[in-house]
Structure formats: C-alpha cells, structure tokens
Amino acid sequence: MKKDLPENIVEDIAIAVALEGEGPEFKTWYVYLINLKNEPIENVLITSKGYGEKDGEQVKTSTLRHMFPLVEAGTYKLIEPIDEQTFGLTNEYWLSYYIGREIFDKKFIFLPESIVESNFIKLPVVNKPGVMIGK
C-alpha cells in the first residue's frame, strides 16, 4: 500500500538546463543531473518528456530513459541535449535513485518559457550558466 511506503524526501539533488555554447545562429543546450549530496547515489533512472501546446496543437515529445549506475557525491552527469524548440513546452524529468536500500524519486518540471536568460544562475558543480530546479 502506498501509505506504507516511507516518504523519502529528495534533497541536495538538482536537474539543470545549461547553455553550452552559442554562435550567430544557434545555441547548444544540455540537461544535467547534479548531485550536491555528500554521498553517492546509485541505480539512477531518469525519464524525460516534453508536452504542451504549440501553434494551437497538442504536442508530445518522445519519452527518453537514461540510467547511471553511480553518481558520486558533488558531481554531475550529462543527461541529454535539449532542443531550444522544446522550451515552449513543459519539460519533465522524473528521477529515481537509491541510497543504500532506500529508494527516492521526484519529478522536476521546467514550465513553458522558464528556460530564459532572465532565470539564469551560475550552476553549481557544472559551472555554466543555466536554469536549475531542486537542491
């Protein structure tokens, strides 16, 4: 039963969209998982998808799955590149991981038009400009 499961709170973990580089006609963006904990996380599974409305039509992107056996404390992992054309959609990242025998999970949601320069910070650990959810 769901009520019997422990409420493991996800803390010191973030998903970030970073601006990697730009030219006169393009920008390159990547999505990262950042482990700000003082301990590693294991068996990390992330599913990503985009959805919403574009030009009056309902749009859904493919669902992608990513797996990392281990993410060391104070490090990051590249999840995937992201196309700027999806920034008008809701971009969802569902993260599950283990610490020892305990499982943790959380949805990280970038709302439409939230990945904009006015929301940029210097991302911890990654040390690039971008937008981050969590900590």
N, C-alpha and C. Protein backbone atom coordinates (compact mmCIF):
# COMPACT_ATOMS: atom_id res chain seq x y z
N MET A 1 0.83 -1.18 0.00
CA MET A 1 0.00 0.00 0.00
C MET A 1 0.88 1.24 0.00
N LYS A 2 0.42 2.25 -0.71
CA LYS A 2 1.21 3.47 -0.83
C LYS A 2 1.46 4.13 0.52
N LYS A 3 0.46 4.07 1.42
CA LYS A 3 0.62 4.70 2.73
C LYS A 3 1.70 4.02 3.57
N ASP A 4 2.07 2.79 3.23
CA ASP A 4 3.09 2.05 3.97
C ASP A 4 4.51 2.35 3.50
N LEU A 5 4.63 3.03 2.36
CA LEU A 5 5.96 3.37 1.84
C LEU A 5 6.53 4.55 2.61
N PRO A 6 7.83 4.55 2.84
CA PRO A 6 8.44 5.70 3.53
C PRO A 6 8.41 6.93 2.63
N GLU A 7 8.29 8.09 3.25
CA GLU A 7 8.32 9.35 2.49
C GLU A 7 9.75 9.84 2.43
N ASN A 8 10.51 9.31 1.50
CA ASN A 8 11.91 9.71 1.36
C ASN A 8 11.95 11.02 0.58
N ILE A 9 12.46 12.05 1.21
CA ILE A 9 12.49 13.38 0.62
C ILE A 9 13.77 13.54 -0.21
N VAL A 10 13.61 14.00 -1.45
CA VAL A 10 14.75 14.25 -2.32
C VAL A 10 15.31 15.63 -1.97
N GLU A 11 16.56 15.64 -1.51
CA GLU A 11 17.24 16.89 -1.16
C GLU A 11 18.65 16.85 -1.75
N ASP A 12 19.19 18.04 -2.00
CA ASP A 12 20.55 18.19 -2.50
C ASP A 12 20.76 17.50 -3.84
N ILE A 13 19.71 17.45 -4.65
CA ILE A 13 19.75 16.92 -5.99
C ILE A 13 19.08 17.95 -6.89
N ALA A 14 19.65 18.18 -8.07
CA ALA A 14 19.06 19.16 -8.99
C ALA A 14 19.12 18.66 -10.42
N ILE A 15 18.19 19.15 -11.22
CA ILE A 15 18.21 18.98 -12.66
C ILE A 15 18.41 20.38 -13.23
N ALA A 16 19.32 20.51 -14.17
CA ALA A 16 19.64 21.84 -14.71
C ALA A 16 19.74 21.79 -16.23
N VAL A 17 19.33 22.88 -16.84
CA VAL A 17 19.50 23.07 -18.28
C VAL A 17 20.57 24.15 -18.44
N ALA A 18 21.67 23.79 -19.09
CA ALA A 18 22.81 24.69 -19.21
C ALA A 18 23.04 25.11 -20.66
N LEU A 19 23.41 26.35 -20.82
CA LEU A 19 23.82 26.86 -22.11
C LEU A 19 25.28 26.49 -22.31
N GLU A 20 25.54 25.62 -23.28
CA GLU A 20 26.89 25.12 -23.51
C GLU A 20 27.70 26.01 -24.42
N GLY A 21 27.04 26.57 -25.41
CA GLY A 21 27.75 27.41 -26.36
C GLY A 21 26.76 28.06 -27.30
N GLU A 22 27.23 29.10 -27.97
CA GLU A 22 26.35 29.76 -28.92
C GLU A 22 27.15 30.36 -30.06
N GLY A 23 26.49 30.41 -31.20
CA GLY A 23 27.06 31.02 -32.38
C GLY A 23 26.07 32.06 -32.89
N PRO A 24 26.33 32.61 -34.05
CA PRO A 24 25.44 33.65 -34.57
C PRO A 24 24.01 33.15 -34.82
N GLU A 25 23.85 31.87 -35.14
CA GLU A 25 22.52 31.37 -35.49
C GLU A 25 22.07 30.17 -34.66
N PHE A 26 22.81 29.83 -33.62
CA PHE A 26 22.43 28.65 -32.84
C PHE A 26 22.91 28.79 -31.40
N LYS A 27 22.25 28.02 -30.53
CA LYS A 27 22.69 27.85 -29.14
C LYS A 27 22.65 26.35 -28.85
N THR A 28 23.61 25.88 -28.07
CA THR A 28 23.69 24.48 -27.70
C THR A 28 23.34 24.36 -26.22
N TRP A 29 22.38 23.48 -25.92
CA TRP A 29 21.89 23.29 -24.56
C TRP A 29 22.01 21.83 -24.15
N TYR A 30 22.35 21.60 -22.87
CA TYR A 30 22.38 20.25 -22.31
C TYR A 30 21.66 20.23 -20.96
N VAL A 31 21.10 19.07 -20.63
CA VAL A 31 20.44 18.86 -19.35
C VAL A 31 21.36 18.01 -18.48
N TYR A 32 21.51 18.42 -17.21
CA TYR A 32 22.40 17.74 -16.28
C TYR A 32 21.66 17.32 -15.01
N LEU A 33 22.13 16.22 -14.43
CA LEU A 33 21.77 15.82 -13.07
C LEU A 33 22.93 16.26 -12.20
N ILE A 34 22.64 16.98 -11.11
CA ILE A 34 23.69 17.45 -10.22
C ILE A 34 23.47 16.84 -8.84
N ASN A 35 24.46 16.11 -8.35
CA ASN A 35 24.40 15.51 -7.01
C ASN A 35 25.16 16.42 -6.05
N LEU A 36 24.42 17.19 -5.25
CA LEU A 36 25.02 18.11 -4.28
C LEU A 36 25.15 17.46 -2.90
N LYS A 37 24.85 16.17 -2.83
CA LYS A 37 24.95 15.43 -1.56
C LYS A 37 26.41 15.15 -1.21
N ASN A 38 26.60 14.74 0.03
CA ASN A 38 27.92 14.31 0.49
C ASN A 38 28.07 12.80 0.38
N GLU A 39 27.18 12.17 -0.38
CA GLU A 39 27.25 10.73 -0.58
C GLU A 39 26.81 10.41 -2.01
N PRO A 40 27.26 9.29 -2.52
CA PRO A 40 26.86 8.91 -3.88
C PRO A 40 25.40 8.46 -3.93
N ILE A 41 24.82 8.54 -5.12
CA ILE A 41 23.51 7.94 -5.37
C ILE A 41 23.70 6.85 -6.41
N GLU A 42 22.88 5.81 -6.32
CA GLU A 42 23.08 4.63 -7.16
C GLU A 42 21.82 4.27 -7.93
N ASN A 43 22.04 3.46 -8.99
CA ASN A 43 20.94 2.97 -9.82
C ASN A 43 19.98 4.10 -10.19
N VAL A 44 20.54 5.15 -10.76
CA VAL A 44 19.79 6.35 -11.09
C VAL A 44 19.07 6.14 -12.41
N LEU A 45 17.77 6.37 -12.40
CA LEU A 45 16.95 6.27 -13.60
C LEU A 45 16.25 7.60 -13.80
N ILE A 46 16.33 8.13 -15.03
CA ILE A 46 15.67 9.39 -15.36
C ILE A 46 14.86 9.18 -16.63
N THR A 47 13.59 9.57 -16.58
CA THR A 47 12.79 9.60 -17.80
C THR A 47 12.52 11.06 -18.11
N SER A 48 12.57 11.39 -19.40
CA SER A 48 12.32 12.77 -19.81
C SER A 48 11.29 12.79 -20.92
N LYS A 49 10.46 13.84 -20.88
CA LYS A 49 9.49 14.04 -21.95
C LYS A 49 9.06 15.50 -21.94
N GLY A 50 8.57 15.93 -23.09
CA GLY A 50 8.01 17.26 -23.22
C GLY A 50 6.58 17.15 -23.69
N TYR A 51 5.75 18.11 -23.23
CA TYR A 51 4.35 18.09 -23.65
C TYR A 51 3.77 19.49 -23.51
N GLY A 52 2.70 19.74 -24.24
CA GLY A 52 2.04 21.03 -24.16
C GLY A 52 1.38 21.39 -25.47
N GLU A 53 1.19 22.67 -25.66
CA GLU A 53 0.51 23.16 -26.85
C GLU A 53 1.44 24.06 -27.64
N LYS A 54 1.48 23.84 -28.94
CA LYS A 54 2.30 24.66 -29.83
C LYS A 54 1.48 24.93 -31.09
N ASP A 55 1.32 26.19 -31.42
CA ASP A 55 0.52 26.62 -32.58
C ASP A 55 -0.88 26.04 -32.53
N GLY A 56 -1.50 26.01 -31.34
CA GLY A 56 -2.86 25.53 -31.19
C GLY A 56 -3.03 24.02 -31.22
N GLU A 57 -1.95 23.28 -31.34
CA GLU A 57 -2.00 21.82 -31.40
C GLU A 57 -1.35 21.23 -30.15
N GLN A 58 -1.90 20.12 -29.66
CA GLN A 58 -1.27 19.40 -28.56
C GLN A 58 -0.03 18.68 -29.09
N VAL A 59 1.07 18.81 -28.37
CA VAL A 59 2.35 18.25 -28.81
C VAL A 59 2.93 17.40 -27.67
N LYS A 60 3.50 16.24 -28.02
CA LYS A 60 4.23 15.40 -27.07
C LYS A 60 5.53 14.97 -27.73
N THR A 61 6.61 15.03 -26.98
CA THR A 61 7.88 14.53 -27.49
C THR A 61 7.98 13.04 -27.13
N SER A 62 8.99 12.40 -27.65
CA SER A 62 9.27 11.02 -27.26
C SER A 62 9.68 10.99 -25.79
N THR A 63 9.40 9.89 -25.12
CA THR A 63 9.89 9.69 -23.77
C THR A 63 11.24 9.01 -23.86
N LEU A 64 12.24 9.62 -23.23
CA LEU A 64 13.59 9.07 -23.23
C LEU A 64 13.93 8.57 -21.83
N ARG A 65 14.71 7.51 -21.77
CA ARG A 65 15.13 6.95 -20.48
C ARG A 65 16.65 6.92 -20.40
N HIS A 66 17.15 7.28 -19.24
CA HIS A 66 18.59 7.33 -19.02
C HIS A 66 18.90 6.62 -17.71
N MET A 67 20.01 5.88 -17.68
CA MET A 67 20.39 5.12 -16.48
C MET A 67 21.86 5.37 -16.17
N PHE A 68 22.13 5.62 -14.90
CA PHE A 68 23.51 5.77 -14.44
C PHE A 68 23.68 4.86 -13.23
N PRO A 69 24.63 3.93 -13.27
CA PRO A 69 24.83 3.04 -12.12
C PRO A 69 25.23 3.79 -10.86
N LEU A 70 26.00 4.88 -11.03
CA LEU A 70 26.52 5.60 -9.86
C LEU A 70 26.76 7.07 -10.23
N VAL A 71 26.36 7.96 -9.33
CA VAL A 71 26.70 9.38 -9.45
C VAL A 71 27.36 9.76 -8.12
N GLU A 72 28.64 10.00 -8.19
CA GLU A 72 29.42 10.30 -6.98
C GLU A 72 28.97 11.61 -6.33
N ALA A 73 29.27 11.76 -5.03
CA ALA A 73 28.96 12.98 -4.29
C ALA A 73 29.64 14.17 -4.94
N GLY A 74 28.91 15.28 -5.04
CA GLY A 74 29.48 16.52 -5.54
C GLY A 74 29.84 16.51 -7.02
N THR A 75 29.19 15.63 -7.80
CA THR A 75 29.48 15.56 -9.23
C THR A 75 28.18 15.72 -10.02
N TYR A 76 28.33 15.68 -11.34
CA TYR A 76 27.16 15.78 -12.21
C TYR A 76 27.27 14.77 -13.34
N LYS A 77 26.14 14.52 -13.97
CA LYS A 77 26.08 13.64 -15.15
C LYS A 77 25.30 14.37 -16.24
N LEU A 78 25.79 14.25 -17.45
CA LEU A 78 25.07 14.77 -18.61
C LEU A 78 23.90 13.83 -18.89
N ILE A 79 22.68 14.35 -18.89
CA ILE A 79 21.51 13.53 -19.18
C ILE A 79 21.27 13.47 -20.68
N GLU A 80 21.14 14.66 -21.31
CA GLU A 80 20.82 14.69 -22.73
C GLU A 80 20.96 16.10 -23.29
N PRO A 81 21.13 16.21 -24.60
CA PRO A 81 21.00 17.53 -25.22
C PRO A 81 19.51 17.88 -25.28
N ILE A 82 19.20 19.16 -25.32
CA ILE A 82 17.80 19.58 -25.42
C ILE A 82 17.69 20.65 -26.51
N ASP A 83 16.67 20.54 -27.31
CA ASP A 83 16.44 21.47 -28.42
C ASP A 83 15.68 22.69 -27.91
N GLU A 84 16.17 23.85 -28.29
CA GLU A 84 15.56 25.11 -27.88
C GLU A 84 14.08 25.19 -28.28
N GLN A 85 13.69 24.48 -29.32
CA GLN A 85 12.29 24.50 -29.76
C GLN A 85 11.35 23.88 -28.73
N THR A 86 11.87 23.09 -27.80
CA THR A 86 11.01 22.49 -26.77
C THR A 86 10.82 23.40 -25.55
N PHE A 87 11.47 24.55 -25.52
CA PHE A 87 11.37 25.43 -24.35
C PHE A 87 9.97 26.00 -24.19
N GLY A 88 9.15 26.00 -25.23
CA GLY A 88 7.76 26.44 -25.13
C GLY A 88 6.84 25.36 -24.60
N LEU A 89 7.39 24.18 -24.36
CA LEU A 89 6.62 23.06 -23.80
C LEU A 89 6.97 22.88 -22.33
N THR A 90 6.20 22.07 -21.63
CA THR A 90 6.56 21.62 -20.30
C THR A 90 7.57 20.49 -20.48
N ASN A 91 8.73 20.62 -19.87
CA ASN A 91 9.77 19.60 -19.95
C ASN A 91 9.89 18.93 -18.59
N GLU A 92 9.58 17.62 -18.56
CA GLU A 92 9.51 16.88 -17.31
C GLU A 92 10.63 15.85 -17.22
N TYR A 93 11.27 15.81 -16.06
CA TYR A 93 12.32 14.84 -15.77
C TYR A 93 11.93 14.12 -14.49
N TRP A 94 11.71 12.81 -14.59
CA TRP A 94 11.34 12.02 -13.42
C TRP A 94 12.56 11.22 -13.01
N LEU A 95 13.04 11.49 -11.81
CA LEU A 95 14.28 10.92 -11.28
C LEU A 95 13.96 9.90 -10.19
N SER A 96 14.61 8.74 -10.27
CA SER A 96 14.57 7.74 -9.19
C SER A 96 16.00 7.30 -8.92
N TYR A 97 16.32 7.09 -7.65
CA TYR A 97 17.66 6.63 -7.29
C TYR A 97 17.62 5.95 -5.93
N TYR A 98 18.72 5.26 -5.63
CA TYR A 98 18.86 4.59 -4.34
C TYR A 98 20.03 5.19 -3.57
N ILE A 99 19.83 5.22 -2.25
CA ILE A 99 20.93 5.41 -1.30
C ILE A 99 20.83 4.21 -0.37
N GLY A 100 21.80 3.33 -0.47
CA GLY A 100 21.72 2.07 0.25
C GLY A 100 20.54 1.27 -0.30
N ARG A 101 19.63 0.88 0.58
CA ARG A 101 18.45 0.10 0.16
C ARG A 101 17.20 0.96 0.05
N GLU A 102 17.34 2.28 0.25
CA GLU A 102 16.18 3.17 0.20
C GLU A 102 16.06 3.82 -1.17
N ILE A 103 14.82 3.85 -1.68
CA ILE A 103 14.58 4.46 -2.98
C ILE A 103 14.00 5.86 -2.79
N PHE A 104 14.40 6.75 -3.69
CA PHE A 104 13.94 8.13 -3.70
C PHE A 104 13.46 8.44 -5.11
N ASP A 105 12.42 9.27 -5.22
CA ASP A 105 12.02 9.70 -6.55
C ASP A 105 11.34 11.06 -6.49
N LYS A 106 11.43 11.78 -7.62
CA LYS A 106 10.87 13.12 -7.69
C LYS A 106 10.74 13.53 -9.15
N LYS A 107 9.69 14.29 -9.44
CA LYS A 107 9.53 14.91 -10.76
C LYS A 107 10.08 16.32 -10.70
N PHE A 108 10.86 16.65 -11.70
CA PHE A 108 11.37 18.01 -11.87
C PHE A 108 10.73 18.54 -13.15
N ILE A 109 10.02 19.67 -13.06
CA ILE A 109 9.28 20.18 -14.20
C ILE A 109 9.72 21.60 -14.54
N PHE A 110 10.20 21.76 -15.76
CA PHE A 110 10.51 23.08 -16.30
C PHE A 110 9.26 23.55 -17.05
N LEU A 111 8.63 24.58 -16.54
CA LEU A 111 7.41 25.09 -17.17
C LEU A 111 7.73 25.77 -18.49
N PRO A 112 6.72 25.90 -19.37
CA PRO A 112 6.97 26.58 -20.66
C PRO A 112 7.56 27.98 -20.44
N GLU A 113 8.52 28.30 -21.25
CA GLU A 113 9.20 29.60 -21.24
C GLU A 113 9.94 29.91 -19.94
N SER A 114 10.26 28.90 -19.13
CA SER A 114 11.03 29.14 -17.90
C SER A 114 12.54 29.07 -18.15
N ILE A 115 12.93 28.49 -19.28
CA ILE A 115 14.36 28.39 -19.61
C ILE A 115 14.71 29.61 -20.45
N VAL A 116 14.90 30.73 -19.74
CA VAL A 116 15.21 32.01 -20.37
C VAL A 116 16.36 32.67 -19.62
N GLU A 117 17.05 33.55 -20.30
CA GLU A 117 18.25 34.17 -19.73
C GLU A 117 17.97 34.90 -18.42
N SER A 118 16.78 35.47 -18.26
CA SER A 118 16.48 36.19 -17.02
C SER A 118 16.42 35.25 -15.81
N ASN A 119 16.30 33.95 -16.03
CA ASN A 119 16.30 32.97 -14.94
C ASN A 119 17.66 32.29 -14.73
N PHE A 120 18.67 32.68 -15.50
CA PHE A 120 19.98 32.04 -15.42
C PHE A 120 20.65 32.29 -14.08
N ILE A 121 21.34 31.26 -13.61
CA ILE A 121 22.27 31.37 -12.49
C ILE A 121 23.55 30.68 -12.95
N LYS A 122 24.61 30.82 -12.16
CA LYS A 122 25.81 30.01 -12.40
C LYS A 122 25.55 28.68 -11.72
N LEU A 123 25.43 27.63 -12.51
CA LEU A 123 25.07 26.32 -11.98
C LEU A 123 26.19 25.77 -11.09
N PRO A 124 25.85 25.29 -9.88
CA PRO A 124 26.88 24.70 -9.03
C PRO A 124 27.44 23.44 -9.66
N VAL A 125 28.69 23.16 -9.40
CA VAL A 125 29.43 21.98 -9.85
C VAL A 125 29.67 22.02 -11.36
N VAL A 126 28.62 22.27 -12.16
CA VAL A 126 28.74 22.33 -13.62
C VAL A 126 29.48 23.60 -14.05
N ASN A 127 29.30 24.69 -13.29
CA ASN A 127 29.96 25.97 -13.55
C ASN A 127 29.68 26.54 -14.93
N LYS A 128 28.41 26.49 -15.32
CA LYS A 128 27.95 27.07 -16.58
C LYS A 128 26.68 27.85 -16.30
N PRO A 129 26.32 28.78 -17.19
CA PRO A 129 25.06 29.49 -16.99
C PRO A 129 23.89 28.58 -17.34
N GLY A 130 22.79 28.71 -16.58
CA GLY A 130 21.63 27.90 -16.88
C GLY A 130 20.52 28.08 -15.87
N VAL A 131 19.52 27.22 -15.98
CA VAL A 131 18.35 27.23 -15.09
C VAL A 131 18.35 25.90 -14.33
N MET A 132 18.09 26.00 -13.03
CA MET A 132 18.17 24.80 -12.18
C MET A 132 16.90 24.65 -11.37
N ILE A 133 16.46 23.40 -11.20
CA ILE A 133 15.35 23.07 -10.31
C ILE A 133 15.88 22.10 -9.26
N GLY A 134 15.54 22.38 -8.01
CA GLY A 134 15.94 21.48 -6.92
C GLY A 134 17.12 22.01 -6.16
N LYS A 135 17.52 21.29 -5.20
CA LYS A 135 18.70 21.46 -4.37
C LYS A 135 18.52 20.76 -3.08
